[in-house]
Amino acid sequence: MSIVTRFAPSPTGFLHLGHAHAALFAWRRARAAGGRFLLRIEDIDATRCRSEFREAILEDLAWLGLDWDREVRVQSEHLAEYRAALVRLDACGLLYPCFCTRAEIRREVAGAAEAPQGTSQGVFLGPDSVAPYPGTCRHLNADERAARVASGISYALRLDMAKALRSVPPLSCKEEGVRVACDPVLFGDAVLGRKDAPASYHLCVTHDDAAQGVTLVSRGEDLRPATALHRLLQALFGWPEPAYAHHPLLRDQSGRRLAKRDKAMSLKDLRSAGHSPATVRAMAGMPD
């Protein structure tokens, strides 16, 4: 089977060298194997995504010398597909509404008798850097849930992790040719339908990788833990299992990973400063 890779940025800011590294990594893996490289715009966060950043992504990638196969997939154009996926899980009894705020969850977890390792101010942080849900709303009966929904209280849709795991065989993934066991338990009852968006990152990215026929998911090593949850979703929906490749993150001189929120120098700035595409590729750790 021909290899299919993808680069899937969110248009919440301009691309920086870390993005260039990720895009070039996926592009070169596909082209070296005579496969396909796809581009996807992950813009379900309507509060932060902007059209100017979307256009800049296309411009930056073309300037770097990357080309892609097929039309660009834009997540905001496929919201009905994500809703349909949630309906499927709900029909299997694997979702429940959660009315808790993040602050309420942190207080409840912090008040537990003992906090495990990996804590922040006494609160255990899961793979998403948020406190795993303690299951408060999981125990509400059907009438209580219906009454709260009818009252207009905002809620998220959570995956009943224990029930989901009982419905699938033991999970594993293939990381650069090596089979590795996967355990999504640390995610707790993960949010799959958000209050501020039709679906969560985890559901959308896994759905789209299957829909686009991606055979190799390449991404930064910070997303390695997410593979366990994504493998669970693939098993629940019967979606194909891709292989995975997690590459090191680019970091600044202080050792922090490059990030939009820290105002890492953008490719747009580097281009304006007169750097050539070849120079920027080398700066991104992907020399010709």
C-alpha atoms as a PDB file:
ATOM      1  CA  MET A   1       0.000   0.000   0.000  1.00  0.00           C
ATOM      2  CA  SER A   2       1.296   3.455  -0.910  1.00  0.00           C
ATOM      3  CA  ILE A   3       2.259   5.640   2.045  1.00  0.00           C
ATOM      4  CA  VAL A   4      -0.019   8.603   2.791  1.00  0.00           C
ATOM      5  CA  THR A   5       1.152  11.278   5.245  1.00  0.00           C
ATOM      6  CA  ARG A   6      -0.363  14.601   6.261  1.00  0.00           C
ATOM      7  CA  PHE A   7       0.387  17.966   7.835  1.00  0.00           C
ATOM      8  CA  ALA A   8      -2.533  19.375   9.812  1.00  0.00           C
ATOM      9  CA  PRO A   9      -1.928  22.855  11.281  1.00  0.00           C
ATOM     10  CA  SER A  10      -4.489  25.045  13.025  1.00  0.00           C
ATOM     11  CA  PRO A  11      -4.851  28.595  11.652  1.00  0.00           C
ATOM     12  CA  THR A  12      -4.483  30.265  15.046  1.00  0.00           C
ATOM     13  CA  GLY A  13      -1.236  32.034  14.182  1.00  0.00           C
ATOM     14  CA  PHE A  14       1.588  32.122  11.673  1.00  0.00           C
ATOM     15  CA  LEU A  15       3.713  29.017  11.110  1.00  0.00           C
ATOM     16  CA  HIS A  16       7.124  28.888  12.803  1.00  0.00           C
ATOM     17  CA  LEU A  17      10.191  26.681  12.410  1.00  0.00           C
ATOM     18  CA  GLY A  18       8.626  23.877  14.439  1.00  0.00           C
ATOM     19  CA  HIS A  19       5.769  23.704  11.953  1.00  0.00           C
ATOM     20  CA  ALA A  20       8.242  23.743   9.072  1.00  0.00           C
ATOM     21  CA  HIS A  21      10.051  20.769  10.592  1.00  0.00           C
ATOM     22  CA  ALA A  22       6.801  18.803  10.998  1.00  0.00           C
ATOM     23  CA  ALA A  23       5.578  19.604   7.494  1.00  0.00           C
ATOM     24  CA  LEU A  24       8.911  18.746   5.863  1.00  0.00           C
ATOM     25  CA  PHE A  25       9.176  15.529   7.895  1.00  0.00           C
ATOM     26  CA  ALA A  26       5.802  14.292   6.622  1.00  0.00           C
ATOM     27  CA  TRP A  27       6.351  15.561   3.077  1.00  0.00           C
ATOM     28  CA  ARG A  28       9.747  13.915   2.714  1.00  0.00           C
ATOM     29  CA  ARG A  29       8.545  10.596   4.130  1.00  0.00           C
ATOM     30  CA  ALA A  30       5.772  10.515   1.532  1.00  0.00           C
ATOM     31  CA  ARG A  31       7.832  11.680  -1.419  1.00  0.00           C
ATOM     32  CA  ALA A  32      10.758   9.343  -0.639  1.00  0.00           C
ATOM     33  CA  ALA A  33       8.366   6.376  -0.792  1.00  0.00           C
ATOM     34  CA  GLY A  34       6.488   7.581  -3.861  1.00  0.00           C
ATOM     35  CA  GLY A  35       3.416   8.189  -1.727  1.00  0.00           C
ATOM     36  CA  ARG A  36       0.993  11.041  -1.135  1.00  0.00           C
ATOM     37  CA  PHE A  37       1.292  14.068   1.141  1.00  0.00           C
ATOM     38  CA  LEU A  38      -1.958  15.695   2.276  1.00  0.00           C
ATOM     39  CA  LEU A  39      -2.680  19.070   3.833  1.00  0.00           C
ATOM     40  CA  ARG A  40      -5.483  19.562   6.339  1.00  0.00           C
ATOM     41  CA  ILE A  41      -6.573  22.753   8.078  1.00  0.00           C
ATOM     42  CA  GLU A  42      -7.820  22.043  11.602  1.00  0.00           C
ATOM     43  CA  ASP A  43     -10.054  25.043  12.239  1.00  0.00           C
ATOM     44  CA  ILE A  44     -12.874  23.804  14.466  1.00  0.00           C
ATOM     45  CA  ASP A  45     -11.933  26.375  17.137  1.00  0.00           C
ATOM     46  CA  ALA A  46     -13.918  29.257  15.664  1.00  0.00           C
ATOM     47  CA  THR A  47     -12.889  31.611  18.476  1.00  0.00           C
ATOM     48  CA  ARG A  48      -9.166  31.463  17.638  1.00  0.00           C
ATOM     49  CA  CYS A  49      -8.899  30.487  13.957  1.00  0.00           C
ATOM     50  CA  ARG A  50      -8.621  33.260  11.371  1.00  0.00           C
ATOM     51  CA  SER A  51      -8.723  33.261   7.580  1.00  0.00           C
ATOM     52  CA  GLU A  52      -5.537  35.335   7.318  1.00  0.00           C
ATOM     53  CA  PHE A  53      -3.587  32.598   9.098  1.00  0.00           C
ATOM     54  CA  ARG A  54      -5.138  29.956   6.834  1.00  0.00           C
ATOM     55  CA  GLU A  55      -3.970  31.790   3.738  1.00  0.00           C
ATOM     56  CA  ALA A  56      -0.542  32.335   5.258  1.00  0.00           C
ATOM     57  CA  ILE A  57      -0.178  28.590   5.863  1.00  0.00           C
ATOM     58  CA  LEU A  58      -0.670  27.843   2.178  1.00  0.00           C
ATOM     59  CA  GLU A  59       1.731  30.619   1.199  1.00  0.00           C
ATOM     60  CA  ASP A  60       4.441  29.556   3.655  1.00  0.00           C
ATOM     61  CA  LEU A  61       4.336  25.900   2.653  1.00  0.00           C
ATOM     62  CA  ALA A  62       4.493  26.698  -1.057  1.00  0.00           C
ATOM     63  CA  TRP A  63       7.411  29.079  -0.407  1.00  0.00           C
ATOM     64  CA  LEU A  64       9.234  26.286   1.448  1.00  0.00           C
ATOM     65  CA  GLY A  65       8.914  24.151  -1.672  1.00  0.00           C
ATOM     66  CA  LEU A  66       6.187  21.788  -0.474  1.00  0.00           C
ATOM     67  CA  ASP A  67       3.362  20.566  -2.655  1.00  0.00           C
ATOM     68  CA  TRP A  68       0.388  18.444  -1.634  1.00  0.00           C
ATOM     69  CA  ASP A  69      -1.957  15.972  -3.245  1.00  0.00           C
ATOM     70  CA  ARG A  70      -5.739  16.350  -3.472  1.00  0.00           C
ATOM     71  CA  GLU A  71      -7.672  19.361  -2.243  1.00  0.00           C
ATOM     72  CA  VAL A  72      -6.914  20.792   1.173  1.00  0.00           C
ATOM     73  CA  ARG A  73      -9.328  19.355   3.742  1.00  0.00           C
ATOM     74  CA  VAL A  74     -10.812  22.067   5.963  1.00  0.00           C
ATOM     75  CA  GLN A  75     -12.362  20.726   9.150  1.00  0.00           C
ATOM     76  CA  SER A  76     -14.988  23.463   9.482  1.00  0.00           C
ATOM     77  CA  GLU A  77     -16.498  22.194   6.238  1.00  0.00           C
ATOM     78  CA  HIS A  78     -17.118  18.739   7.734  1.00  0.00           C
ATOM     79  CA  LEU A  79     -18.852  19.458  11.038  1.00  0.00           C
ATOM     80  CA  ALA A  80     -21.788  17.198  10.166  1.00  0.00           C
ATOM     81  CA  GLU A  81     -19.397  14.233   9.929  1.00  0.00           C
ATOM     82  CA  TYR A  82     -18.090  14.806  13.434  1.00  0.00           C
ATOM     83  CA  ARG A  83     -21.616  15.143  14.815  1.00  0.00           C
ATOM     84  CA  ALA A  84     -22.551  11.872  13.123  1.00  0.00           C
ATOM     85  CA  ALA A  85     -19.572  10.172  14.772  1.00  0.00           C
ATOM     86  CA  LEU A  86     -20.723  11.400  18.173  1.00  0.00           C
ATOM     87  CA  VAL A  87     -24.219  10.089  17.466  1.00  0.00           C
ATOM     88  CA  ARG A  88     -22.741   6.650  16.742  1.00  0.00           C
ATOM     89  CA  LEU A  89     -20.909   6.562  20.058  1.00  0.00           C
ATOM     90  CA  ASP A  90     -23.952   7.843  21.921  1.00  0.00           C
ATOM     91  CA  ALA A  91     -26.108   5.125  20.360  1.00  0.00           C
ATOM     92  CA  CYS A  92     -23.678   2.579  21.828  1.00  0.00           C
ATOM     93  CA  GLY A  93     -24.107   4.107  25.290  1.00  0.00           C
ATOM     94  CA  LEU A  94     -20.485   5.290  25.393  1.00  0.00           C
ATOM     95  CA  LEU A  95     -21.100   9.033  25.894  1.00  0.00           C
ATOM     96  CA  TYR A  96     -22.591  11.067  28.697  1.00  0.00           C
ATOM     97  CA  PRO A  97     -23.114  14.814  29.249  1.00  0.00           C
ATOM     98  CA  CYS A  98     -20.789  16.553  31.685  1.00  0.00           C
ATOM     99  CA  PHE A  99     -21.897  19.830  33.257  1.00  0.00           C
ATOM    100  CA  CYS A 100     -18.744  20.482  35.309  1.00  0.00           C
ATOM    101  CA  THR A 101     -16.451  23.436  34.704  1.00  0.00           C
ATOM    102  CA  ARG A 102     -12.694  22.968  34.539  1.00  0.00           C
ATOM    103  CA  ALA A 103     -12.310  24.843  37.822  1.00  0.00           C
ATOM    104  CA  GLU A 104     -14.768  22.500  39.531  1.00  0.00           C
ATOM    105  CA  ILE A 105     -12.885  19.480  38.237  1.00  0.00           C
ATOM    106  CA  ARG A 106      -9.550  20.823  39.474  1.00  0.00           C
ATOM    107  CA  ARG A 107     -10.995  21.501  42.932  1.00  0.00           C
ATOM    108  CA  GLU A 108     -12.440  18.021  43.193  1.00  0.00           C
ATOM    109  CA  VAL A 109      -9.238  16.331  42.052  1.00  0.00           C
ATOM    110  CA  ALA A 110      -7.133  18.521  44.355  1.00  0.00           C
ATOM    111  CA  GLY A 111      -9.327  17.521  47.264  1.00  0.00           C
ATOM    112  CA  ALA A 112      -8.660  13.833  46.715  1.00  0.00           C
ATOM    113  CA  ALA A 113      -6.855  12.002  49.500  1.00  0.00           C
ATOM    114  CA  GLU A 114      -3.712  11.481  47.440  1.00  0.00           C
ATOM    115  CA  ALA A 115      -2.474  13.064  44.205  1.00  0.00           C
ATOM    116  CA  PRO A 116      -0.279  10.906  41.925  1.00  0.00           C
ATOM    117  CA  GLN A 117       2.945  12.000  40.323  1.00  0.00           C
ATOM    118  CA  GLY A 118       2.839  14.612  37.568  1.00  0.00           C
ATOM    119  CA  THR A 119       0.940  17.221  39.539  1.00  0.00           C
ATOM    120  CA  SER A 120       0.462  20.964  39.227  1.00  0.00           C
ATOM    121  CA  GLN A 121      -0.391  22.678  42.506  1.00  0.00           C
ATOM    122  CA  GLY A 122      -1.490  19.324  43.874  1.00  0.00           C
ATOM    123  CA  VAL A 123      -3.616  18.415  40.846  1.00  0.00           C
ATOM    124  CA  PHE A 124      -2.696  15.419  38.709  1.00  0.00           C
ATOM    125  CA  LEU A 125      -2.374  16.341  35.041  1.00  0.00           C
ATOM    126  CA  GLY A 126      -3.174  13.777  32.381  1.00  0.00           C
ATOM    127  CA  PRO A 127      -1.708  13.503  28.874  1.00  0.00           C
ATOM    128  CA  ASP A 128      -3.690  16.575  27.774  1.00  0.00           C
ATOM    129  CA  SER A 129      -2.153  18.648  30.603  1.00  0.00           C
ATOM    130  CA  VAL A 130      -5.552  18.875  32.279  1.00  0.00           C
ATOM    131  CA  ALA A 131      -6.895  17.092  35.315  1.00  0.00           C
ATOM    132  CA  PRO A 132      -8.464  13.744  34.336  1.00  0.00           C
ATOM    133  CA  TYR A 133     -12.169  13.827  35.022  1.00  0.00           C
ATOM    134  CA  PRO A 134     -13.190  12.253  38.366  1.00  0.00           C
ATOM    135  CA  GLY A 135     -16.488  10.969  36.956  1.00  0.00           C
ATOM    136  CA  THR A 136     -18.874  13.315  38.740  1.00  0.00           C
ATOM    137  CA  CYS A 137     -21.527  13.467  36.005  1.00  0.00           C
ATOM    138  CA  ARG A 138     -21.080   9.852  34.978  1.00  0.00           C
ATOM    139  CA  HIS A 139     -23.138   8.882  38.000  1.00  0.00           C
ATOM    140  CA  LEU A 140     -26.147  11.071  37.193  1.00  0.00           C
ATOM    141  CA  ASN A 141     -29.250   9.118  36.257  1.00  0.00           C
ATOM    142  CA  ALA A 142     -31.089   9.642  32.972  1.00  0.00           C
ATOM    143  CA  ASP A 143     -33.714  11.931  34.517  1.00  0.00           C
ATOM    144  CA  GLU A 144     -31.108  14.186  36.132  1.00  0.00           C
ATOM    145  CA  ARG A 145     -29.185  14.455  32.875  1.00  0.00           C
ATOM    146  CA  ALA A 146     -32.310  15.247  30.883  1.00  0.00           C
ATOM    147  CA  ALA A 147     -33.398  17.905  33.376  1.00  0.00           C
ATOM    148  CA  ARG A 148     -30.028  19.671  33.267  1.00  0.00           C
ATOM    149  CA  VAL A 149     -29.885  19.585  29.481  1.00  0.00           C
ATOM    150  CA  ALA A 150     -33.432  20.962  29.282  1.00  0.00           C
ATOM    151  CA  SER A 151     -32.519  23.776  31.661  1.00  0.00           C
ATOM    152  CA  GLY A 152     -29.976  25.075  29.139  1.00  0.00           C
ATOM    153  CA  ILE A 153     -26.866  24.385  31.212  1.00  0.00           C
ATOM    154  CA  SER A 154     -23.785  24.145  28.997  1.00  0.00           C
ATOM    155  CA  TYR A 155     -22.263  20.687  28.819  1.00  0.00           C
ATOM    156  CA  ALA A 156     -19.585  18.605  27.131  1.00  0.00           C
ATOM    157  CA  LEU A 157     -19.880  15.018  25.918  1.00  0.00           C
ATOM    158  CA  ARG A 158     -17.464  12.626  27.594  1.00  0.00           C
ATOM    159  CA  LEU A 159     -16.412   9.113  26.648  1.00  0.00           C
ATOM    160  CA  ASP A 160     -17.131   6.516  29.323  1.00  0.00           C
ATOM    161  CA  MET A 161     -13.591   5.157  29.318  1.00  0.00           C
ATOM    162  CA  ALA A 162     -14.214   2.021  31.362  1.00  0.00           C
ATOM    163  CA  LYS A 163     -17.207   1.009  29.248  1.00  0.00           C
ATOM    164  CA  ALA A 164     -15.346   1.778  26.010  1.00  0.00           C
ATOM    165  CA  LEU A 165     -12.348  -0.345  26.986  1.00  0.00           C
ATOM    166  CA  ARG A 166     -14.609  -3.291  27.775  1.00  0.00           C
ATOM    167  CA  SER A 167     -15.858  -3.243  24.185  1.00  0.00           C
ATOM    168  CA  VAL A 168     -12.467  -3.485  22.433  1.00  0.00           C
ATOM    169  CA  PRO A 169      -9.531  -5.914  22.548  1.00  0.00           C
ATOM    170  CA  PRO A 170      -6.171  -4.901  24.077  1.00  0.00           C
ATOM    171  CA  LEU A 171      -4.777  -1.942  22.165  1.00  0.00           C
ATOM    172  CA  SER A 172      -1.373  -1.407  20.588  1.00  0.00           C
ATOM    173  CA  CYS A 173       0.178   0.783  17.902  1.00  0.00           C
ATOM    174  CA  LYS A 174       3.031   0.487  15.434  1.00  0.00           C
ATOM    175  CA  GLU A 175       5.690   3.135  16.101  1.00  0.00           C
ATOM    176  CA  GLU A 176       8.344   3.145  13.368  1.00  0.00           C
ATOM    177  CA  GLY A 177       7.880  -0.586  12.799  1.00  0.00           C
ATOM    178  CA  VAL A 178       7.793  -1.544  16.490  1.00  0.00           C
ATOM    179  CA  ARG A 179       4.530  -2.762  18.051  1.00  0.00           C
ATOM    180  CA  VAL A 180       3.864  -0.915  21.345  1.00  0.00           C
ATOM    181  CA  ALA A 181       1.061  -1.466  23.880  1.00  0.00           C
ATOM    182  CA  CYS A 182      -1.401   1.423  24.295  1.00  0.00           C
ATOM    183  CA  ASP A 183      -3.337   2.263  27.439  1.00  0.00           C
ATOM    184  CA  PRO A 184      -5.696   5.276  27.225  1.00  0.00           C
ATOM    185  CA  VAL A 185      -6.797   5.018  30.861  1.00  0.00           C
ATOM    186  CA  LEU A 186      -4.733   8.067  31.885  1.00  0.00           C
ATOM    187  CA  PHE A 187      -6.991  10.232  29.730  1.00  0.00           C
ATOM    188  CA  GLY A 188      -9.917   9.377  31.959  1.00  0.00           C
ATOM    189  CA  ASP A 189     -13.355  10.104  30.504  1.00  0.00           C
ATOM    190  CA  ALA A 190     -12.041  12.269  27.681  1.00  0.00           C
ATOM    191  CA  VAL A 191     -14.137  15.060  26.192  1.00  0.00           C
ATOM    192  CA  LEU A 192     -15.183  14.233  22.623  1.00  0.00           C
ATOM    193  CA  GLY A 193     -17.861  16.885  22.175  1.00  0.00           C
ATOM    194  CA  ARG A 194     -16.862  20.315  23.442  1.00  0.00           C
ATOM    195  CA  LYS A 195     -18.892  23.194  24.774  1.00  0.00           C
ATOM    196  CA  ASP A 196     -17.275  25.682  22.390  1.00  0.00           C
ATOM    197  CA  ALA A 197     -16.903  23.421  19.322  1.00  0.00           C
ATOM    198  CA  PRO A 198     -18.842  20.545  17.755  1.00  0.00           C
ATOM    199  CA  ALA A 199     -16.168  17.965  18.571  1.00  0.00           C
ATOM    200  CA  SER A 200     -12.792  17.659  20.248  1.00  0.00           C
ATOM    201  CA  TYR A 201      -9.382  17.568  18.609  1.00  0.00           C
ATOM    202  CA  HIS A 202      -9.026  13.860  19.393  1.00  0.00           C
ATOM    203  CA  LEU A 203     -12.222  12.863  17.633  1.00  0.00           C
ATOM    204  CA  CYS A 204     -11.735  15.137  14.623  1.00  0.00           C
ATOM    205  CA  VAL A 205      -8.112  14.239  13.938  1.00  0.00           C
ATOM    206  CA  THR A 206      -8.752  10.505  14.227  1.00  0.00           C
ATOM    207  CA  HIS A 207     -11.859  10.729  12.059  1.00  0.00           C
ATOM    208  CA  ASP A 208     -10.026  12.734   9.391  1.00  0.00           C
ATOM    209  CA  ASP A 209      -6.986  10.469   9.288  1.00  0.00           C
ATOM    210  CA  ALA A 210      -9.360   7.585   8.527  1.00  0.00           C
ATOM    211  CA  ALA A 211     -11.429   9.591   6.042  1.00  0.00           C
ATOM    212  CA  GLN A 212      -8.327  10.710   4.145  1.00  0.00           C
ATOM    213  CA  GLY A 213      -6.681   7.300   4.124  1.00  0.00           C
ATOM    214  CA  VAL A 214      -3.626   8.412   6.095  1.00  0.00           C
ATOM    215  CA  THR A 215      -1.288   5.443   6.597  1.00  0.00           C
ATOM    216  CA  LEU A 216       1.501   7.205   8.534  1.00  0.00           C
ATOM    217  CA  VAL A 217       0.690   9.754  11.226  1.00  0.00           C
ATOM    218  CA  SER A 218       3.799  11.841  11.826  1.00  0.00           C
ATOM    219  CA  ARG A 219       3.797  14.500  14.549  1.00  0.00           C
ATOM    220  CA  GLY A 220       5.783  15.923  17.441  1.00  0.00           C
ATOM    221  CA  GLU A 221       6.767  13.716  20.348  1.00  0.00           C
ATOM    222  CA  ASP A 222       4.542  15.800  22.643  1.00  0.00           C
ATOM    223  CA  LEU A 223       1.546  14.104  21.029  1.00  0.00           C
ATOM    224  CA  ARG A 224       2.849  10.569  21.534  1.00  0.00           C
ATOM    225  CA  PRO A 225       0.576   9.948  24.578  1.00  0.00           C
ATOM    226  CA  ALA A 226      -2.484  10.867  22.480  1.00  0.00           C
ATOM    227  CA  THR A 227      -1.868   7.781  20.340  1.00  0.00           C
ATOM    228  CA  ALA A 228      -3.453   5.581  23.007  1.00  0.00           C
ATOM    229  CA  LEU A 229      -6.734   7.496  22.921  1.00  0.00           C
ATOM    230  CA  HIS A 230      -6.674   7.656  19.127  1.00  0.00           C
ATOM    231  CA  ARG A 231      -6.165   3.903  18.889  1.00  0.00           C
ATOM    232  CA  LEU A 232      -9.187   3.435  21.146  1.00  0.00           C
ATOM    233  CA  LEU A 233     -11.336   5.616  18.893  1.00  0.00           C
ATOM    234  CA  GLN A 234     -10.113   3.721  15.821  1.00  0.00           C
ATOM    235  CA  ALA A 235     -11.084   0.441  17.462  1.00  0.00           C
ATOM    236  CA  LEU A 236     -14.529   1.729  18.517  1.00  0.00           C
ATOM    237  CA  PHE A 237     -15.369   2.980  15.027  1.00  0.00           C
ATOM    238  CA  GLY A 238     -13.650   0.195  13.101  1.00  0.00           C
ATOM    239  CA  TRP A 239     -11.343   2.679  11.385  1.00  0.00           C
ATOM    240  CA  PRO A 240      -8.031   1.516   9.836  1.00  0.00           C
ATOM    241  CA  GLU A 241      -4.936   1.625  12.017  1.00  0.00           C
ATOM    242  CA  PRO A 242      -2.164   3.862  10.667  1.00  0.00           C
ATOM    243  CA  ALA A 243       1.485   3.604  11.638  1.00  0.00           C
ATOM    244  CA  TYR A 244       3.019   6.384  13.748  1.00  0.00           C
ATOM    245  CA  ALA A 245       6.245   8.398  13.736  1.00  0.00           C
ATOM    246  CA  HIS A 246       6.881  10.971  16.460  1.00  0.00           C
ATOM    247  CA  HIS A 247       9.758  13.355  15.847  1.00  0.00           C
ATOM    248  CA  PRO A 248      11.652  15.563  18.343  1.00  0.00           C
ATOM    249  CA  LEU A 249      10.397  19.100  18.898  1.00  0.00           C
ATOM    250  CA  LEU A 250      12.371  22.160  17.917  1.00  0.00           C
ATOM    251  CA  ARG A 251      13.315  24.235  20.946  1.00  0.00           C
ATOM    252  CA  ASP A 252      14.597  27.736  21.589  1.00  0.00           C
ATOM    253  CA  GLN A 253      17.880  28.622  23.317  1.00  0.00           C
ATOM    254  CA  SER A 254      16.267  28.256  26.750  1.00  0.00           C
ATOM    255  CA  GLY A 255      15.094  24.743  25.940  1.00  0.00           C
ATOM    256  CA  ARG A 256      11.420  25.612  25.535  1.00  0.00           C
ATOM    257  CA  ARG A 257       9.645  24.146  22.542  1.00  0.00           C
ATOM    258  CA  LEU A 258       8.744  26.636  19.832  1.00  0.00           C
ATOM    259  CA  ALA A 259       5.127  27.735  20.210  1.00  0.00           C
ATOM    260  CA  LYS A 260       2.787  30.366  18.785  1.00  0.00           C
ATOM    261  CA  ARG A 261       1.799  31.536  22.258  1.00  0.00           C
ATOM    262  CA  ASP A 262       5.447  32.347  23.029  1.00  0.00           C
ATOM    263  CA  LYS A 263       5.697  34.404  19.824  1.00  0.00           C
ATOM    264  CA  ALA A 264       8.239  32.106  18.175  1.00  0.00           C
ATOM    265  CA  MET A 265       9.658  33.783  15.055  1.00  0.00           C
ATOM    266  CA  SER A 266       7.331  33.021  12.155  1.00  0.00           C
ATOM    267  CA  LEU A 267       8.234  31.804   8.690  1.00  0.00           C
ATOM    268  CA  LYS A 268       6.670  35.017   7.431  1.00  0.00           C
ATOM    269  CA  ASP A 269       9.173  37.048   9.486  1.00  0.00           C
ATOM    270  CA  LEU A 270      12.085  34.911   8.295  1.00  0.00           C
ATOM    271  CA  ARG A 271      11.009  35.363   4.703  1.00  0.00           C
ATOM    272  CA  SER A 272      10.666  39.111   5.164  1.00  0.00           C
ATOM    273  CA  ALA A 273      14.160  39.210   6.677  1.00  0.00           C
ATOM    274  CA  GLY A 274      15.546  37.876   3.414  1.00  0.00           C
ATOM    275  CA  HIS A 275      16.176  34.227   4.307  1.00  0.00           C
ATOM    276  CA  SER A 276      15.908  31.751   1.443  1.00  0.00           C
ATOM    277  CA  PRO A 277      13.709  28.633   1.566  1.00  0.00           C
ATOM    278  CA  ALA A 278      16.854  26.470   1.704  1.00  0.00           C
ATOM    279  CA  THR A 279      18.160  28.434   4.690  1.00  0.00           C
ATOM    280  CA  VAL A 280      14.854  28.140   6.533  1.00  0.00           C
ATOM    281  CA  ARG A 281      14.673  24.418   5.830  1.00  0.00           C
ATOM    282  CA  ALA A 282      18.122  24.078   7.389  1.00  0.00           C
ATOM    283  CA  MET A 283      17.097  26.222  10.371  1.00  0.00           C
ATOM    284  CA  ALA A 284      14.115  23.896  10.822  1.00  0.00           C
ATOM    285  CA  GLY A 285      16.472  20.950  11.089  1.00  0.00           C
ATOM    286  CA  MET A 286      15.595  19.633   7.632  1.00  0.00           C
ATOM    287  CA  PRO A 287      18.504  20.643   5.354  1.00  0.00           C
ATOM    288  CA  ASP A 288      18.489  19.702   1.688  1.00  0.00           C
END
